[in-house]
N, C-alpha and C. Protein backbone atom coordinates (compact mmCIF):
# COMPACT_ATOMS: atom_id res chain seq x y z
N MET A 1 1.91 11.39 -33.20
CA MET A 1 2.86 10.31 -33.35
C MET A 1 2.96 9.47 -32.08
N SER A 2 3.02 10.14 -30.94
CA SER A 2 3.16 9.40 -29.69
C SER A 2 1.88 8.63 -29.35
N LYS A 3 0.71 9.13 -29.79
CA LYS A 3 -0.53 8.41 -29.54
C LYS A 3 -0.55 7.09 -30.31
N ASN A 4 -0.02 7.09 -31.51
CA ASN A 4 0.02 5.86 -32.30
C ASN A 4 0.96 4.84 -31.66
N ILE A 5 2.08 5.30 -31.15
CA ILE A 5 3.03 4.40 -30.50
C ILE A 5 2.39 3.80 -29.26
N PHE A 6 1.67 4.61 -28.50
CA PHE A 6 0.99 4.10 -27.31
C PHE A 6 -0.07 3.08 -27.69
N LYS A 7 -0.83 3.37 -28.76
CA LYS A 7 -1.90 2.47 -29.18
C LYS A 7 -1.33 1.14 -29.65
N TYR A 8 -0.26 1.16 -30.42
CA TYR A 8 0.31 -0.09 -30.91
C TYR A 8 1.02 -0.86 -29.80
N SER A 9 1.66 -0.17 -28.88
CA SER A 9 2.31 -0.88 -27.78
C SER A 9 1.26 -1.47 -26.85
N PHE A 10 0.14 -0.78 -26.69
CA PHE A 10 -0.95 -1.31 -25.88
C PHE A 10 -1.51 -2.58 -26.51
N ILE A 11 -1.70 -2.56 -27.81
CA ILE A 11 -2.21 -3.74 -28.53
C ILE A 11 -1.21 -4.88 -28.46
N PHE A 12 0.06 -4.58 -28.42
CA PHE A 12 1.08 -5.62 -28.37
C PHE A 12 1.23 -6.24 -26.99
N PHE A 13 1.19 -5.42 -25.93
CA PHE A 13 1.47 -5.92 -24.59
C PHE A 13 0.27 -6.56 -23.89
N ILE A 14 -0.94 -6.18 -24.22
CA ILE A 14 -2.12 -6.74 -23.56
C ILE A 14 -2.22 -8.25 -23.77
N PRO A 15 -2.06 -8.79 -24.97
CA PRO A 15 -2.15 -10.26 -25.11
C PRO A 15 -1.07 -11.00 -24.33
N ILE A 16 0.07 -10.40 -24.13
CA ILE A 16 1.13 -11.05 -23.36
C ILE A 16 0.68 -11.27 -21.93
N PHE A 17 -0.02 -10.28 -21.35
CA PHE A 17 -0.47 -10.41 -19.97
C PHE A 17 -1.70 -11.28 -19.83
N LEU A 18 -2.46 -11.43 -20.91
CA LEU A 18 -3.68 -12.22 -20.84
C LEU A 18 -3.45 -13.71 -21.09
N LEU A 19 -2.36 -14.05 -21.74
CA LEU A 19 -2.09 -15.45 -22.02
C LEU A 19 -1.54 -16.13 -20.77
N PRO A 20 -2.09 -17.27 -20.39
CA PRO A 20 -1.58 -17.96 -19.20
C PRO A 20 -0.22 -18.58 -19.46
N GLN A 21 0.64 -18.45 -18.51
CA GLN A 21 1.96 -19.05 -18.60
C GLN A 21 2.28 -19.68 -17.25
N GLN A 22 3.11 -20.69 -17.29
CA GLN A 22 3.52 -21.31 -16.04
C GLN A 22 4.60 -20.47 -15.39
N ALA A 23 4.45 -20.31 -14.11
CA ALA A 23 5.44 -19.58 -13.34
C ALA A 23 5.98 -20.53 -12.28
N PHE A 24 7.22 -20.87 -12.39
CA PHE A 24 7.84 -21.76 -11.41
C PHE A 24 8.40 -20.91 -10.28
N ALA A 25 7.48 -20.43 -9.46
CA ALA A 25 7.85 -19.53 -8.37
C ALA A 25 7.94 -20.31 -7.07
N TYR A 26 8.81 -19.85 -6.20
CA TYR A 26 8.99 -20.49 -4.91
C TYR A 26 9.17 -19.42 -3.86
N LEU A 27 8.38 -19.50 -2.83
CA LEU A 27 8.53 -18.58 -1.70
C LEU A 27 9.14 -19.37 -0.55
N ASP A 28 10.34 -19.05 -0.22
CA ASP A 28 11.00 -19.74 0.88
C ASP A 28 10.50 -19.17 2.22
N PRO A 29 10.78 -19.84 3.31
CA PRO A 29 10.30 -19.37 4.62
C PRO A 29 10.80 -17.97 4.97
N GLY A 30 11.97 -17.61 4.51
CA GLY A 30 12.49 -16.27 4.79
C GLY A 30 11.63 -15.19 4.15
N THR A 31 11.15 -15.46 2.93
CA THR A 31 10.30 -14.49 2.26
C THR A 31 8.96 -14.37 2.96
N GLY A 32 8.42 -15.50 3.39
CA GLY A 32 7.14 -15.47 4.10
C GLY A 32 7.23 -14.70 5.40
N SER A 33 8.30 -14.91 6.14
CA SER A 33 8.44 -14.17 7.40
C SER A 33 8.69 -12.69 7.15
N MET A 34 9.36 -12.35 6.05
CA MET A 34 9.57 -10.94 5.72
C MET A 34 8.24 -10.27 5.39
N ILE A 35 7.36 -10.97 4.67
CA ILE A 35 6.05 -10.41 4.36
C ILE A 35 5.24 -10.21 5.64
N ILE A 36 5.28 -11.18 6.55
CA ILE A 36 4.55 -11.06 7.81
C ILE A 36 5.09 -9.90 8.63
N GLN A 37 6.41 -9.74 8.70
CA GLN A 37 7.00 -8.63 9.45
C GLN A 37 6.60 -7.29 8.85
N THR A 38 6.54 -7.22 7.54
CA THR A 38 6.14 -5.99 6.88
C THR A 38 4.70 -5.65 7.20
N LEU A 39 3.82 -6.65 7.17
CA LEU A 39 2.42 -6.40 7.49
C LEU A 39 2.25 -5.96 8.94
N ILE A 40 2.98 -6.58 9.85
CA ILE A 40 2.91 -6.18 11.26
C ILE A 40 3.39 -4.74 11.43
N ALA A 41 4.47 -4.37 10.75
CA ALA A 41 4.99 -3.01 10.83
C ALA A 41 4.00 -2.00 10.26
N VAL A 42 3.35 -2.34 9.16
CA VAL A 42 2.39 -1.43 8.55
C VAL A 42 1.20 -1.21 9.48
N PHE A 43 0.64 -2.30 10.01
CA PHE A 43 -0.51 -2.15 10.89
C PHE A 43 -0.13 -1.46 12.20
N GLY A 44 1.05 -1.72 12.70
CA GLY A 44 1.51 -1.03 13.90
C GLY A 44 1.69 0.46 13.67
N SER A 45 2.23 0.82 12.52
CA SER A 45 2.41 2.24 12.19
C SER A 45 1.08 2.94 12.02
N ILE A 46 0.13 2.26 11.38
CA ILE A 46 -1.19 2.86 11.21
C ILE A 46 -1.86 3.06 12.57
N GLY A 47 -1.73 2.08 13.46
CA GLY A 47 -2.30 2.21 14.79
C GLY A 47 -1.68 3.34 15.59
N TYR A 48 -0.36 3.45 15.53
CA TYR A 48 0.34 4.50 16.26
C TYR A 48 -0.03 5.88 15.70
N ALA A 49 -0.13 5.99 14.39
CA ALA A 49 -0.53 7.26 13.79
C ALA A 49 -1.95 7.62 14.20
N GLY A 50 -2.82 6.62 14.30
CA GLY A 50 -4.19 6.88 14.75
C GLY A 50 -4.23 7.40 16.17
N ILE A 51 -3.40 6.81 17.04
CA ILE A 51 -3.35 7.27 18.44
C ILE A 51 -2.85 8.70 18.51
N LEU A 52 -1.80 9.03 17.77
CA LEU A 52 -1.29 10.40 17.78
C LEU A 52 -2.31 11.39 17.23
N PHE A 53 -3.00 10.99 16.17
CA PHE A 53 -4.00 11.85 15.57
C PHE A 53 -5.14 12.10 16.55
N ARG A 54 -5.56 11.04 17.26
CA ARG A 54 -6.63 11.18 18.23
C ARG A 54 -6.22 12.10 19.37
N LYS A 55 -4.97 11.99 19.83
CA LYS A 55 -4.48 12.86 20.92
C LYS A 55 -4.45 14.31 20.48
N LYS A 56 -4.06 14.57 19.24
CA LYS A 56 -4.01 15.94 18.76
C LYS A 56 -5.40 16.53 18.64
N ILE A 57 -6.34 15.75 18.17
CA ILE A 57 -7.71 16.23 18.08
C ILE A 57 -8.27 16.49 19.48
N LYS A 58 -8.00 15.59 20.41
CA LYS A 58 -8.49 15.74 21.77
C LYS A 58 -7.90 16.99 22.43
N SER A 59 -6.60 17.22 22.25
CA SER A 59 -5.99 18.41 22.84
C SER A 59 -6.50 19.69 22.19
N PHE A 60 -6.86 19.62 20.91
CA PHE A 60 -7.41 20.80 20.23
C PHE A 60 -8.75 21.19 20.84
N PHE A 61 -9.61 20.21 21.09
CA PHE A 61 -10.92 20.52 21.65
C PHE A 61 -10.85 20.82 23.15
N GLU A 62 -9.85 20.33 23.85
CA GLU A 62 -9.70 20.64 25.27
C GLU A 62 -9.35 22.10 25.48
N ARG A 63 -8.73 22.73 24.50
CA ARG A 63 -8.42 24.16 24.61
C ARG A 63 -9.70 24.98 24.73
N PHE A 64 -10.75 24.57 24.04
CA PHE A 64 -12.00 25.31 24.10
C PHE A 64 -12.69 25.09 25.45
N ARG A 65 -12.57 23.93 26.04
CA ARG A 65 -13.17 23.66 27.34
C ARG A 65 -12.50 24.47 28.45
N LYS A 66 -11.18 24.61 28.37
CA LYS A 66 -10.44 25.32 29.41
C LYS A 66 -10.71 26.81 29.37
N THR A 67 -10.97 27.37 28.21
CA THR A 67 -11.17 28.81 28.12
C THR A 67 -12.54 29.24 28.62
N LYS A 68 -13.51 28.32 28.63
CA LYS A 68 -14.86 28.69 29.08
C LYS A 68 -15.01 28.66 30.55
């Protein structure tokens, strides 16, 4: 029963997404700056995580050098 509901809802919703419609969207300057700030934060976080990961790997291998 649930497979039939999924099949019919799929058949119903796909044409809605495929038909072009006008979207009267507006991005104000506040939204643009929020997107830029989010991207800067994401790339900064990825960079900082990479630095921490590199330090942990480096300290792991330095343990083997010190013991020899």
